[in-house]
Amino acid sequence: MPGGHLDVTPDPVDQELDLATSEGDVGKEGDVAITCVSQGKPVYGFGCVEPSLRGQL
């Protein structure tokens, strides 16, 4: 977002733990809410976050 930032907040109702990472890390995936202000107006959105493959491609 040029000149600003996005706030990404996980939805605690729809989260899944990924306990099977090869590096022993615990990752989460699930729905998120996204908010920001653009040109003085609030903007809202929704998305899904998934753990990356961390160079495993």
C-alpha atoms as a PDB file:
ATOM      1  CA  MET A   1       0.000   0.000   0.000  1.00  0.00           C
ATOM      2  CA  PRO A   2       1.845   3.130  -1.119  1.00  0.00           C
ATOM      3  CA  GLY A   3       2.201   5.581   1.747  1.00  0.00           C
ATOM      4  CA  GLY A   4       0.388   3.357   4.220  1.00  0.00           C
ATOM      5  CA  HIS A   5       0.061  -0.129   5.588  1.00  0.00           C
ATOM      6  CA  LEU A   6      -2.397  -3.002   5.774  1.00  0.00           C
ATOM      7  CA  ASP A   7      -3.648  -4.412   9.069  1.00  0.00           C
ATOM      8  CA  VAL A   8      -4.076  -8.187   8.813  1.00  0.00           C
ATOM      9  CA  THR A   9      -5.967  -9.820  11.688  1.00  0.00           C
ATOM     10  CA  PRO A  10      -6.496 -13.591  11.953  1.00  0.00           C
ATOM     11  CA  ASP A  11     -10.035 -14.875  12.475  1.00  0.00           C
ATOM     12  CA  PRO A  12      -9.632 -17.019  15.617  1.00  0.00           C
ATOM     13  CA  VAL A  13     -12.679 -19.139  14.720  1.00  0.00           C
ATOM     14  CA  ASP A  14     -11.193 -20.415  11.431  1.00  0.00           C
ATOM     15  CA  GLN A  15      -7.534 -21.239  12.120  1.00  0.00           C
ATOM     16  CA  GLU A  16      -5.730 -24.524  11.611  1.00  0.00           C
ATOM     17  CA  LEU A  17      -2.394 -25.536  13.106  1.00  0.00           C
ATOM     18  CA  ASP A  18       0.201 -27.078  10.808  1.00  0.00           C
ATOM     19  CA  LEU A  19       2.344 -29.253  13.058  1.00  0.00           C
ATOM     20  CA  ALA A  20       4.056 -31.147  10.237  1.00  0.00           C
ATOM     21  CA  THR A  21       6.697 -28.640   9.102  1.00  0.00           C
ATOM     22  CA  SER A  22      10.092 -30.095   8.306  1.00  0.00           C
ATOM     23  CA  GLU A  23      11.877 -27.422  10.376  1.00  0.00           C
ATOM     24  CA  GLY A  24       9.877 -28.157  13.523  1.00  0.00           C
ATOM     25  CA  ASP A  25       8.002 -24.854  13.334  1.00  0.00           C
ATOM     26  CA  VAL A  26       4.330 -24.604  14.159  1.00  0.00           C
ATOM     27  CA  GLY A  27       2.502 -22.715  11.434  1.00  0.00           C
ATOM     28  CA  LYS A  28      -1.061 -21.486  11.194  1.00  0.00           C
ATOM     29  CA  GLU A  29      -3.341 -21.114   8.231  1.00  0.00           C
ATOM     30  CA  GLY A  30      -6.821 -19.708   7.959  1.00  0.00           C
ATOM     31  CA  ASP A  31      -9.016 -16.716   7.322  1.00  0.00           C
ATOM     32  CA  VAL A  32      -7.894 -13.131   7.941  1.00  0.00           C
ATOM     33  CA  ALA A  33      -9.561  -9.722   7.891  1.00  0.00           C
ATOM     34  CA  ILE A  34      -7.650  -6.927   6.121  1.00  0.00           C
ATOM     35  CA  THR A  35      -8.196  -3.227   6.810  1.00  0.00           C
ATOM     36  CA  CYS A  36      -6.525   0.001   5.725  1.00  0.00           C
ATOM     37  CA  VAL A  37      -7.267   3.626   4.960  1.00  0.00           C
ATOM     38  CA  SER A  38      -6.910   4.722   1.335  1.00  0.00           C
ATOM     39  CA  GLN A  39      -7.390   8.364   0.338  1.00  0.00           C
ATOM     40  CA  GLY A  40      -9.002   9.023   3.712  1.00  0.00           C
ATOM     41  CA  LYS A  41     -11.586   6.238   3.359  1.00  0.00           C
ATOM     42  CA  PRO A  42     -11.615   2.898   5.197  1.00  0.00           C
ATOM     43  CA  VAL A  43     -11.115  -0.199   3.061  1.00  0.00           C
ATOM     44  CA  TYR A  44     -12.017  -3.710   4.235  1.00  0.00           C
ATOM     45  CA  GLY A  45     -11.231  -7.118   2.820  1.00  0.00           C
ATOM     46  CA  PHE A  46     -10.906 -10.786   3.626  1.00  0.00           C
ATOM     47  CA  GLY A  47      -8.289 -13.362   2.736  1.00  0.00           C
ATOM     48  CA  CYS A  48      -6.667 -16.667   3.564  1.00  0.00           C
ATOM     49  CA  VAL A  49      -3.107 -17.155   4.825  1.00  0.00           C
ATOM     50  CA  GLU A  50      -1.190 -20.375   4.275  1.00  0.00           C
ATOM     51  CA  PRO A  51       2.346 -21.267   5.448  1.00  0.00           C
ATOM     52  CA  SER A  52       5.031 -20.894   2.795  1.00  0.00           C
ATOM     53  CA  LEU A  53       7.128 -23.795   1.561  1.00  0.00           C
ATOM     54  CA  ARG A  54      10.307 -21.962   2.721  1.00  0.00           C
ATOM     55  CA  GLY A  55      12.457 -22.769  -0.297  1.00  0.00           C
ATOM     56  CA  GLN A  56      11.221 -26.337  -0.742  1.00  0.00           C
ATOM     57  CA  LEU A  57      10.242 -25.792  -4.398  1.00  0.00           C
END
